[in-house]
Amino acid sequence: MAVGCGDDGGVAASAGSSSDSGDAATTAQPPAEDSSTTSSPSGSASVGSSSTGSLQTSSTGEDSPASSSGDPDPIDEEFSAGFDVASISPNDGHLALNVYMGAYGAPFVRGPAESVHDDVYVRSVAIGLGEEGFVAAVADLPGLGNDFTRAVRTRVAENTGLAPERVLIGTTHTHASPDFQGLWGGGPSEYRNPVIDELVGSMSRAWLLRETATLEVASTTGPNDNRRDWGFTDDSITLLLARSEAGDLLGTLGVFAAHPTVLGADNHAISRDWCGGYVDTMQAHTGAPAVLFNGILGDASTMTPPGEYADDFERAFAYGALIADLAHDAAPRADPIDPELVFGHVGWTMPVQNALFQIAAALDLLDYSFSRDGDGQAVDTEAAYVRLGSQLQLVTFPGEPLTRTGLAIKDAMTAPHQAVLGQTSDTLGYFILSDEWMTGRNDDYEETVSLHESAGDTAVEQIVGLVEADAF
């Protein structure tokens, strides 16, 4: 629940990558032994937290890695892939009913959207191997409350036959789109209900329309900045490409980290922010659907390339276009992915100790279901792990991981290409390692929008447990 994600709407005047990923990974240390977490993905975790996890493998080879749910028989199949894109923009009738903008300021203060500058979408990709696989969608929204994500998972699972944990729902976190968390005013059911229907429909179509495909993955870097003054952030761009049997590009999935806050709190026009520049440019390059997930975004800011811009909309588009150009330039160097799919899932419970969240819940403003935890509140959350061949490992993260939080997870990965899908599976605010908690960085802003001090340690422990369970 990233309430008003800081004053990072400003952009730097020059482009260029931050310090290289090797140095960043070295600086980002996992939680110390005296932190409040323990080490098993299926055991207990921090204060009042518990978890369960599993790992499952499908492959064409004879030597599948061990799985906590048993050693499955090899599956002699090829990859399949499907894509779908659907608009979720409000129309004039919806806007007349007050569709509140999300992600900046206190509830109701910013006010409702007045117009649509550029359409917002849900973009879905499905990857299968035999009868197994997963479907992932990302919506151009600041976030989604778990009341919505749980309903979507249930309905998509019914439509596709997939287990609910294989339905992965993310948001780009653009600060120029409607509030689906209940923190800034929400919106009318006449708009929100059709959006949820579109999410379900898009994900279901992507899965049902899969066709035989080969997968490739490329990595490069792009310019971004760190607003907590670490001097490094995760500047990696990861690009997954799916091609038909004839070699035609079916679609792409990109991952890059930067807060979509080029457009400030004074903007009242719906927009995808820089994410729109990325997908429009990538689709122009390839002629195929482009899906974009935000990465380790908690303290990552944009670095707009130098130039003269008519307004912030043009500035935002230019930044997204730059990231798309860099990703597209890396595509010819993509590595083919071996036909193997490993999927893992873990769920855990965390206490809600943030007073803002507690008050909002008590006033029934939130689109979240919290549970009781003794005298306080708690929230159930989850994460997923996917390995495609020996080439790509990715995880979902249930909120906004700060740089060191996300890099601690990447540090456990061994594949040459890696990605953390931020704001995916859940949107529960900032996740900060406890040794960084209240150390004065960015005036401790991110701490004010975090569930509790050990949330980052707990998430790293749980997700790293999934990664390490997959010995390959």
Protein backbone atom coordinates (compact mmCIF):
# COMPACT_ATOMS: atom_id res chain seq x y z
CA MET A 1 0.00 0.00 0.00
CA ALA A 2 2.39 2.66 -1.14
CA VAL A 3 0.67 5.81 0.12
CA GLY A 4 2.08 8.89 -1.64
CA CYS A 5 5.38 7.32 -2.68
CA GLY A 6 7.57 10.25 -1.73
CA ASP A 7 8.71 13.37 -3.50
CA ASP A 8 10.48 11.49 -6.27
CA GLY A 9 8.47 12.99 -9.11
CA GLY A 10 11.47 15.10 -10.17
CA VAL A 11 13.82 13.75 -12.82
CA ALA A 12 17.53 13.99 -13.33
CA ALA A 13 18.91 15.93 -16.26
CA SER A 14 21.29 13.29 -17.53
CA ALA A 15 21.09 9.65 -18.51
CA GLY A 16 23.44 6.82 -17.70
CA SER A 17 23.52 3.62 -15.71
CA SER A 18 24.05 3.60 -11.97
CA SER A 19 26.84 1.49 -10.49
CA ASP A 20 27.07 -1.97 -11.98
CA SER A 21 24.95 -4.84 -10.74
CA GLY A 22 27.92 -6.75 -9.38
CA ASP A 23 28.85 -3.96 -6.99
CA ALA A 24 25.23 -3.50 -6.02
CA ALA A 25 24.76 -7.16 -5.22
CA THR A 26 27.88 -7.13 -3.08
CA THR A 27 26.64 -4.16 -1.09
CA ALA A 28 23.19 -5.61 -0.53
CA GLN A 29 23.55 -8.00 2.37
CA PRO A 30 20.89 -10.51 3.46
CA PRO A 31 19.41 -10.07 6.93
CA ALA A 32 21.88 -10.56 9.75
CA GLU A 33 21.63 -13.63 11.95
CA ASP A 34 20.30 -11.59 14.85
CA SER A 35 17.32 -10.32 12.84
CA SER A 36 13.81 -11.45 13.74
CA THR A 37 13.51 -14.08 11.02
CA THR A 38 14.21 -17.79 10.85
CA SER A 39 15.31 -19.75 7.82
CA SER A 40 12.76 -22.26 6.56
CA PRO A 41 10.30 -21.52 3.75
CA SER A 42 7.87 -23.92 5.37
CA GLY A 43 8.51 -22.98 8.98
CA SER A 44 7.96 -19.99 11.23
CA ALA A 45 9.09 -16.50 10.38
CA SER A 46 9.17 -13.12 12.10
CA VAL A 47 6.93 -11.75 14.82
CA GLY A 48 3.62 -13.51 14.55
CA SER A 49 4.36 -14.80 11.03
CA SER A 50 4.04 -18.29 9.61
CA SER A 51 4.35 -19.75 6.13
CA THR A 52 3.89 -22.71 3.82
CA GLY A 53 5.70 -23.34 0.55
CA SER A 54 6.08 -25.76 -2.35
CA LEU A 55 8.18 -26.29 -5.47
CA GLN A 56 7.14 -28.18 -8.61
CA THR A 57 9.09 -29.06 -11.74
CA SER A 58 8.10 -29.82 -15.34
CA SER A 59 10.81 -30.58 -17.87
CA THR A 60 11.76 -32.44 -21.00
CA GLY A 61 14.98 -33.78 -19.50
CA GLU A 62 15.66 -36.94 -17.51
CA ASP A 63 17.11 -35.28 -14.44
CA SER A 64 14.48 -33.03 -12.88
CA PRO A 65 15.49 -31.29 -9.65
CA ALA A 66 13.95 -32.51 -6.43
CA SER A 67 10.72 -30.86 -5.34
CA SER A 68 9.11 -30.47 -1.94
CA SER A 69 5.98 -31.89 -3.53
CA GLY A 70 7.80 -34.94 -4.97
CA ASP A 71 9.88 -35.70 -8.06
CA PRO A 72 7.55 -35.38 -11.04
CA ASP A 73 8.04 -37.46 -14.15
CA PRO A 74 9.70 -35.62 -17.05
CA ILE A 75 7.22 -34.16 -19.54
CA ASP A 76 8.17 -34.44 -23.21
CA GLU A 77 6.57 -31.18 -24.31
CA GLU A 78 7.41 -27.80 -25.76
CA PHE A 79 6.76 -24.38 -24.32
CA SER A 80 3.54 -22.60 -25.17
CA ALA A 81 2.84 -18.88 -24.84
CA GLY A 82 -0.12 -16.56 -25.12
CA PHE A 83 -0.61 -12.81 -24.75
CA ASP A 84 -3.58 -10.51 -24.27
CA VAL A 85 -4.04 -6.75 -23.87
CA ALA A 86 -7.26 -5.03 -22.71
CA SER A 87 -8.08 -1.41 -21.88
CA ILE A 88 -9.19 -0.57 -18.34
CA SER A 89 -9.58 3.20 -18.86
CA PRO A 90 -12.59 4.90 -17.31
CA ASN A 91 -15.05 6.52 -19.71
CA ASP A 92 -16.70 9.93 -19.26
CA GLY A 93 -19.59 8.34 -17.38
CA HIS A 94 -17.21 6.73 -14.90
CA LEU A 95 -15.29 9.98 -14.42
CA ALA A 96 -18.54 11.79 -13.64
CA LEU A 97 -19.00 9.40 -10.68
CA ASN A 98 -15.59 10.34 -9.18
CA VAL A 99 -12.76 7.93 -9.95
CA TYR A 100 -10.13 8.96 -7.41
CA MET A 101 -6.47 9.07 -8.40
CA GLY A 102 -4.09 7.00 -6.30
CA ALA A 103 -0.59 7.02 -4.81
CA TYR A 104 -0.09 10.64 -3.70
CA GLY A 105 -1.12 12.22 -0.42
CA ALA A 106 -3.84 11.59 2.14
CA PRO A 107 -7.28 10.10 1.38
CA PHE A 108 -9.50 12.29 -0.83
CA VAL A 109 -6.99 15.19 -0.87
CA ARG A 110 -5.73 14.81 -4.43
CA GLY A 111 -9.22 14.35 -5.75
CA PRO A 112 -10.75 12.43 -8.65
CA ALA A 113 -9.45 12.13 -12.20
CA GLU A 114 -10.66 14.79 -14.62
CA SER A 115 -9.69 13.20 -17.94
CA VAL A 116 -7.74 10.38 -19.62
CA HIS A 117 -4.49 11.47 -21.23
CA ASP A 118 -3.45 8.01 -22.40
CA ASP A 119 -5.31 4.76 -21.91
CA VAL A 120 -4.40 2.37 -19.11
CA TYR A 121 -4.40 -1.39 -19.70
CA VAL A 122 -4.11 -4.85 -18.29
CA ARG A 123 -1.45 -6.88 -20.12
CA SER A 124 -1.30 -10.65 -19.69
CA VAL A 125 1.19 -13.36 -20.61
CA ALA A 126 0.77 -17.11 -20.15
CA ILE A 127 3.63 -19.60 -20.27
CA GLY A 128 3.01 -23.32 -20.34
CA LEU A 129 4.94 -26.57 -20.61
CA GLY A 130 2.61 -29.46 -21.25
CA GLU A 131 -0.41 -28.99 -19.02
CA GLU A 132 1.58 -27.04 -16.44
CA GLY A 133 2.37 -23.34 -16.40
CA PHE A 134 1.30 -19.96 -15.08
CA VAL A 135 -0.38 -16.77 -16.20
CA ALA A 136 0.80 -13.29 -15.18
CA ALA A 137 -0.94 -9.97 -15.69
CA VAL A 138 0.08 -6.41 -14.91
CA ALA A 139 -2.40 -3.55 -14.68
CA ASP A 140 -1.62 0.14 -15.04
CA LEU A 141 -2.72 0.91 -11.48
CA PRO A 142 -0.90 2.09 -8.32
CA GLY A 143 -1.83 -1.22 -6.66
CA LEU A 144 -4.62 -3.71 -6.05
CA GLY A 145 -6.13 -4.56 -2.68
CA ASN A 146 -6.20 -8.24 -1.79
CA ASP A 147 -10.00 -8.22 -1.93
CA PHE A 148 -9.58 -7.77 -5.69
CA THR A 149 -6.59 -10.04 -6.27
CA ARG A 150 -8.16 -12.95 -4.40
CA ALA A 151 -11.35 -12.66 -6.44
CA VAL A 152 -9.38 -12.53 -9.70
CA ARG A 153 -7.28 -15.58 -8.79
CA THR A 154 -10.36 -17.61 -7.96
CA ARG A 155 -12.16 -16.74 -11.18
CA VAL A 156 -9.12 -17.22 -13.45
CA ALA A 157 -8.40 -20.57 -11.80
CA GLU A 158 -11.97 -21.65 -12.55
CA ASN A 159 -11.65 -20.53 -16.18
CA THR A 160 -8.27 -22.10 -16.86
CA GLY A 161 -7.92 -25.09 -14.54
CA LEU A 162 -4.73 -23.57 -13.10
CA ALA A 163 -4.15 -23.60 -9.36
CA PRO A 164 -4.86 -20.13 -7.88
CA GLU A 165 -1.21 -19.69 -6.85
CA ARG A 166 -0.25 -19.90 -10.54
CA VAL A 167 -2.30 -16.78 -11.27
CA LEU A 168 0.14 -13.88 -10.77
CA ILE A 169 -1.30 -10.37 -10.62
CA GLY A 170 0.85 -7.24 -10.68
CA THR A 171 0.58 -3.48 -11.12
CA THR A 172 2.94 -1.02 -12.81
CA HIS A 173 2.46 1.36 -9.86
CA THR A 174 1.83 4.39 -12.03
CA HIS A 175 0.85 7.32 -9.80
CA ALA A 176 -1.43 8.71 -12.50
CA SER A 177 -4.16 6.11 -12.43
CA PRO A 178 -7.19 5.06 -10.36
CA ASP A 179 -7.11 3.97 -6.74
CA PHE A 180 -7.88 0.26 -6.33
CA GLN A 181 -6.54 0.08 -2.77
CA GLY A 182 -9.04 2.32 -1.02
CA LEU A 183 -6.39 4.63 0.35
CA TRP A 184 -7.11 7.75 -1.68
CA GLY A 185 -10.87 7.70 -2.21
CA GLY A 186 -11.49 4.62 -4.33
CA GLY A 187 -14.09 4.77 -7.05
CA PRO A 188 -17.58 3.73 -8.08
CA SER A 189 -18.49 0.08 -8.50
CA GLU A 190 -19.75 0.97 -12.00
CA TYR A 191 -16.07 1.39 -12.95
CA ARG A 192 -14.27 -0.97 -10.61
CA ASN A 193 -16.36 -4.08 -11.33
CA PRO A 194 -15.77 -3.96 -15.10
CA VAL A 195 -12.02 -3.52 -14.48
CA ILE A 196 -11.93 -6.70 -12.42
CA ASP A 197 -13.89 -8.45 -15.18
CA GLU A 198 -11.28 -7.28 -17.71
CA LEU A 199 -8.46 -8.60 -15.51
CA VAL A 200 -10.14 -12.00 -15.32
CA GLY A 201 -10.91 -12.00 -19.05
CA SER A 202 -7.44 -10.96 -20.15
CA MET A 203 -5.65 -13.56 -18.03
CA SER A 204 -8.08 -16.29 -19.08
CA ARG A 205 -7.67 -15.44 -22.76
CA ALA A 206 -3.88 -15.41 -22.55
CA TRP A 207 -3.91 -18.93 -21.11
CA LEU A 208 -6.54 -20.34 -23.45
CA LEU A 209 -4.96 -18.81 -26.56
CA ARG A 210 -1.47 -20.25 -26.00
CA GLU A 211 0.37 -21.72 -28.94
CA THR A 212 3.60 -23.68 -29.26
CA ALA A 213 6.52 -21.36 -28.69
CA THR A 214 10.23 -21.06 -28.15
CA LEU A 215 11.47 -18.72 -25.41
CA GLU A 216 14.54 -16.50 -25.30
CA VAL A 217 15.85 -14.10 -22.66
CA ALA A 218 18.18 -11.11 -22.80
CA SER A 219 19.52 -8.75 -20.16
CA THR A 220 21.04 -5.29 -20.20
CA THR A 221 21.00 -2.16 -18.01
CA GLY A 222 19.20 1.17 -18.07
CA PRO A 223 19.49 4.51 -16.29
CA ASN A 224 17.75 4.96 -12.94
CA ASP A 225 18.59 6.51 -9.59
CA ASN A 226 18.33 5.72 -5.89
CA ARG A 227 16.32 8.17 -3.80
CA ARG A 228 17.71 6.86 -0.49
CA ASP A 229 21.23 7.89 -1.57
CA TRP A 230 22.80 4.45 -1.67
CA GLY A 231 24.69 5.32 -4.83
CA PHE A 232 23.41 2.17 -6.53
CA THR A 233 20.12 0.57 -7.43
CA ASP A 234 19.03 -2.40 -9.51
CA ASP A 235 19.44 -1.03 -13.05
CA SER A 236 18.91 -4.35 -14.83
CA ILE A 237 16.53 -4.73 -17.77
CA THR A 238 15.31 -8.28 -18.37
CA LEU A 239 13.49 -9.14 -21.60
CA LEU A 240 11.69 -12.44 -22.23
CA LEU A 241 10.74 -13.12 -25.86
CA ALA A 242 8.26 -15.74 -27.08
CA ARG A 243 8.33 -16.87 -30.72
CA SER A 244 5.92 -19.05 -32.69
CA GLU A 245 6.92 -22.25 -34.47
CA ALA A 246 7.35 -20.13 -37.62
CA GLY A 247 9.72 -17.80 -35.76
CA ASP A 248 7.32 -14.87 -35.50
CA LEU A 249 7.39 -12.88 -32.27
CA LEU A 250 4.29 -13.59 -30.18
CA GLY A 251 5.12 -11.04 -27.50
CA THR A 252 7.64 -9.84 -24.94
CA LEU A 253 7.80 -9.48 -21.17
CA GLY A 254 10.11 -6.79 -19.79
CA VAL A 255 11.18 -6.01 -16.21
CA PHE A 256 12.79 -2.74 -15.11
CA ALA A 257 12.71 -0.73 -11.88
CA ALA A 258 11.76 2.94 -11.64
CA HIS A 259 8.94 4.70 -9.84
CA PRO A 260 6.34 5.94 -12.36
CA THR A 261 6.27 9.40 -10.81
CA VAL A 262 7.37 11.66 -13.65
CA LEU A 263 3.82 13.01 -13.44
CA GLY A 264 3.28 14.73 -10.11
CA ALA A 265 0.47 15.00 -7.61
CA ASP A 266 -0.97 18.03 -9.39
CA ASN A 267 -1.79 15.90 -12.43
CA HIS A 268 -5.44 14.85 -12.73
CA ALA A 269 -5.28 13.09 -16.09
CA ILE A 270 -5.13 9.28 -16.20
CA SER A 271 -1.82 8.06 -17.63
CA ARG A 272 0.60 5.15 -17.62
CA ASP A 273 3.47 7.56 -16.87
CA TRP A 274 6.81 6.26 -18.28
CA CYS A 275 5.45 2.71 -18.55
CA GLY A 276 3.34 3.86 -21.51
CA GLY A 277 6.42 5.05 -23.36
CA TYR A 278 8.01 1.66 -22.83
CA VAL A 279 5.16 -0.53 -24.09
CA ASP A 280 4.23 1.75 -27.00
CA THR A 281 7.85 1.90 -28.19
CA MET A 282 8.49 -1.82 -27.72
CA GLN A 283 5.32 -2.67 -29.63
CA ALA A 284 6.36 -0.28 -32.41
CA HIS A 285 9.75 -2.02 -32.59
CA THR A 286 8.35 -5.55 -32.65
CA GLY A 287 4.75 -5.43 -33.87
CA ALA A 288 3.86 -7.75 -30.97
CA PRO A 289 2.25 -7.25 -27.54
CA ALA A 290 4.59 -5.92 -24.87
CA VAL A 291 4.14 -6.61 -21.16
CA LEU A 292 6.06 -4.57 -18.56
CA PHE A 293 6.51 -5.33 -14.86
CA ASN A 294 8.16 -2.89 -12.49
CA GLY A 295 11.13 -4.45 -10.70
CA ILE A 296 12.94 -3.61 -7.45
CA LEU A 297 11.20 -0.25 -7.42
CA GLY A 298 10.92 0.82 -3.78
CA ASP A 299 13.67 3.45 -3.88
CA ALA A 300 14.32 3.52 -7.65
CA SER A 301 13.65 6.81 -9.45
CA THR A 302 13.67 7.78 -13.12
CA MET A 303 16.51 9.49 -15.00
CA THR A 304 14.96 11.19 -18.01
CA PRO A 305 17.36 11.66 -20.94
CA PRO A 306 18.47 15.23 -21.68
CA GLY A 307 16.26 17.19 -24.05
CA GLU A 308 13.52 19.76 -24.42
CA TYR A 309 10.07 18.47 -23.48
CA ALA A 310 6.73 20.14 -24.02
CA ASP A 311 5.40 18.80 -20.72
CA ASP A 312 5.78 16.00 -18.20
CA PHE A 313 3.75 13.61 -20.35
CA GLU A 314 6.33 13.95 -23.12
CA ARG A 315 9.13 13.65 -20.56
CA ALA A 316 7.62 10.44 -19.15
CA PHE A 317 7.18 8.94 -22.62
CA ALA A 318 10.80 9.70 -23.51
CA TYR A 319 12.11 7.85 -20.48
CA GLY A 320 9.98 4.77 -21.19
CA ALA A 321 11.00 4.87 -24.85
CA LEU A 322 14.67 4.93 -23.82
CA ILE A 323 14.25 1.82 -21.66
CA ALA A 324 12.41 0.06 -24.51
CA ASP A 325 15.16 1.00 -26.98
CA LEU A 326 17.81 -0.47 -24.69
CA ALA A 327 15.80 -3.66 -24.18
CA HIS A 328 15.16 -4.02 -27.92
CA ASP A 329 18.85 -3.48 -28.68
CA ALA A 330 19.65 -6.39 -26.35
CA ALA A 331 17.17 -8.77 -28.04
CA PRO A 332 19.59 -10.03 -30.76
CA ARG A 333 21.86 -11.28 -27.95
CA ALA A 334 19.06 -13.27 -26.30
CA ASP A 335 19.79 -16.78 -25.01
CA PRO A 336 17.45 -19.65 -25.99
CA ILE A 337 15.66 -21.13 -22.98
CA ASP A 338 15.69 -24.89 -22.41
CA PRO A 339 12.20 -26.45 -22.18
CA GLU A 340 11.97 -26.77 -18.41
CA LEU A 341 9.62 -24.98 -16.01
CA VAL A 342 9.97 -24.92 -12.24
CA PHE A 343 7.29 -23.22 -10.19
CA GLY A 344 7.32 -22.51 -6.47
CA HIS A 345 4.92 -20.75 -4.13
CA VAL A 346 5.06 -19.61 -0.52
CA GLY A 347 2.49 -17.94 1.71
CA TRP A 348 3.04 -16.29 5.06
CA THR A 349 1.34 -14.01 7.58
CA MET A 350 2.67 -10.68 8.81
CA PRO A 351 1.52 -8.32 11.55
CA VAL A 352 0.12 -4.93 10.53
CA GLN A 353 1.75 -2.50 12.91
CA ASN A 354 1.51 0.65 10.79
CA ALA A 355 -0.89 3.09 12.46
CA LEU A 356 -2.01 4.57 9.13
CA PHE A 357 -3.06 1.16 7.82
CA GLN A 358 -4.75 0.29 11.09
CA ILE A 359 -6.80 3.51 11.11
CA ALA A 360 -7.75 3.14 7.44
CA ALA A 361 -8.87 -0.43 8.10
CA ALA A 362 -10.88 0.63 11.15
CA LEU A 363 -12.64 3.27 9.03
CA ASP A 364 -13.42 0.61 6.41
CA LEU A 365 -11.61 2.55 3.68
CA LEU A 366 -9.32 -0.23 2.50
CA ASP A 367 -9.81 -2.79 -0.25
CA TYR A 368 -7.89 -5.23 1.95
CA SER A 369 -8.92 -8.05 4.25
CA PHE A 370 -6.89 -8.10 7.45
CA SER A 371 -7.17 -10.77 10.13
CA ARG A 372 -6.83 -10.59 13.88
CA ASP A 373 -3.42 -11.23 15.42
CA GLY A 374 -3.87 -11.26 19.17
CA ASP A 375 -4.77 -7.69 20.04
CA GLY A 376 -3.65 -6.41 16.64
CA GLN A 377 -4.10 -7.05 12.94
CA ALA A 378 -2.31 -9.31 10.47
CA VAL A 379 -2.32 -9.87 6.73
CA ASP A 380 -1.77 -13.03 4.70
CA THR A 381 0.47 -12.63 1.68
CA GLU A 382 2.39 -14.73 -0.83
CA ALA A 383 5.12 -14.90 -3.44
CA ALA A 384 5.90 -17.14 -6.41
CA TYR A 385 9.12 -18.43 -7.96
CA VAL A 386 9.58 -19.39 -11.61
CA ARG A 387 12.59 -20.89 -13.35
CA LEU A 388 12.54 -21.24 -17.11
CA GLY A 389 15.26 -23.61 -18.25
CA SER A 390 18.62 -22.89 -16.68
CA GLN A 391 18.57 -19.40 -18.15
CA LEU A 392 15.99 -17.36 -16.19
CA GLN A 393 14.87 -17.17 -12.57
CA LEU A 394 12.19 -14.76 -11.45
CA VAL A 395 10.12 -14.16 -8.33
CA THR A 396 7.08 -12.11 -7.49
CA PHE A 397 7.29 -9.66 -4.61
CA PRO A 398 4.17 -8.59 -2.64
CA GLY A 399 4.87 -4.87 -2.60
CA GLU A 400 7.72 -2.46 -3.19
CA PRO A 401 11.11 -3.97 -2.34
CA LEU A 402 13.81 -1.43 -1.62
CA THR A 403 17.05 -1.90 -3.54
CA ARG A 404 18.92 -3.87 -0.89
CA THR A 405 15.84 -5.97 -0.13
CA GLY A 406 15.44 -7.03 -3.75
CA LEU A 407 19.15 -7.52 -4.39
CA ALA A 408 19.39 -9.83 -1.36
CA ILE A 409 16.94 -12.09 -3.22
CA LYS A 410 18.78 -11.82 -6.52
CA ASP A 411 22.01 -12.67 -4.72
CA ALA A 412 20.57 -16.14 -4.03
CA MET A 413 19.85 -16.72 -7.73
CA THR A 414 22.35 -18.50 -9.98
CA ALA A 415 20.77 -18.26 -13.44
CA PRO A 416 22.42 -15.79 -15.85
CA HIS A 417 19.16 -13.83 -16.19
CA GLN A 418 17.15 -12.79 -13.12
CA ALA A 419 14.11 -10.67 -12.31
CA VAL A 420 12.07 -9.56 -9.32
CA LEU A 421 8.51 -8.59 -10.25
CA GLY A 422 7.62 -5.84 -7.78
CA GLN A 423 4.04 -5.03 -6.81
CA THR A 424 3.04 -8.56 -7.83
CA SER A 425 1.03 -11.09 -5.79
CA ASP A 426 0.20 -8.26 -3.37
CA THR A 427 0.74 -4.51 -2.86
CA LEU A 428 1.61 -4.13 0.81
CA GLY A 429 3.82 -1.06 0.83
CA TYR A 430 7.58 -0.79 1.27
CA PHE A 431 9.76 -3.70 2.39
CA ILE A 432 12.90 -2.48 4.13
CA LEU A 433 15.70 -4.57 5.64
CA SER A 434 15.81 -4.10 9.41
CA ASP A 435 19.42 -2.87 9.37
CA GLU A 436 18.27 0.01 7.14
CA TRP A 437 15.18 0.81 9.21
CA MET A 438 14.95 4.39 10.48
CA THR A 439 18.51 5.29 9.52
CA GLY A 440 17.49 8.68 8.14
CA ARG A 441 17.56 7.80 4.44
CA ASN A 442 15.03 9.85 2.43
CA ASP A 443 13.94 11.27 5.81
CA ASP A 444 12.66 7.78 6.71
CA TYR A 445 9.72 8.28 4.37
CA GLU A 446 9.48 4.66 3.23
CA GLU A 447 9.30 3.49 6.85
CA THR A 448 6.05 5.42 7.30
CA VAL A 449 4.42 3.28 4.59
CA SER A 450 5.69 -0.14 5.68
CA LEU A 451 3.79 -2.85 7.56
CA HIS A 452 6.45 -3.19 10.24
CA GLU A 453 10.19 -3.18 10.87
CA SER A 454 10.86 -6.83 10.03
CA ALA A 455 8.63 -7.03 6.93
CA GLY A 456 11.64 -6.81 4.60
CA ASP A 457 13.63 -9.45 6.45
CA THR A 458 10.64 -11.79 6.48
CA ALA A 459 9.95 -11.40 2.77
CA VAL A 460 13.60 -11.98 1.87
CA GLU A 461 13.72 -15.08 4.06
CA GLN A 462 10.58 -16.57 2.57
CA ILE A 463 11.44 -15.86 -1.07
CA VAL A 464 15.10 -16.84 -0.77
CA GLY A 465 13.87 -20.11 0.73
CA LEU A 466 11.97 -20.78 -2.50
CA VAL A 467 14.99 -19.91 -4.63
CA GLU A 468 17.36 -22.10 -2.64
CA ALA A 469 14.93 -25.03 -2.66
CA ASP A 470 15.47 -25.24 -6.43
CA ALA A 471 18.95 -26.74 -6.69
CA PHE A 472 19.83 -26.91 -10.37
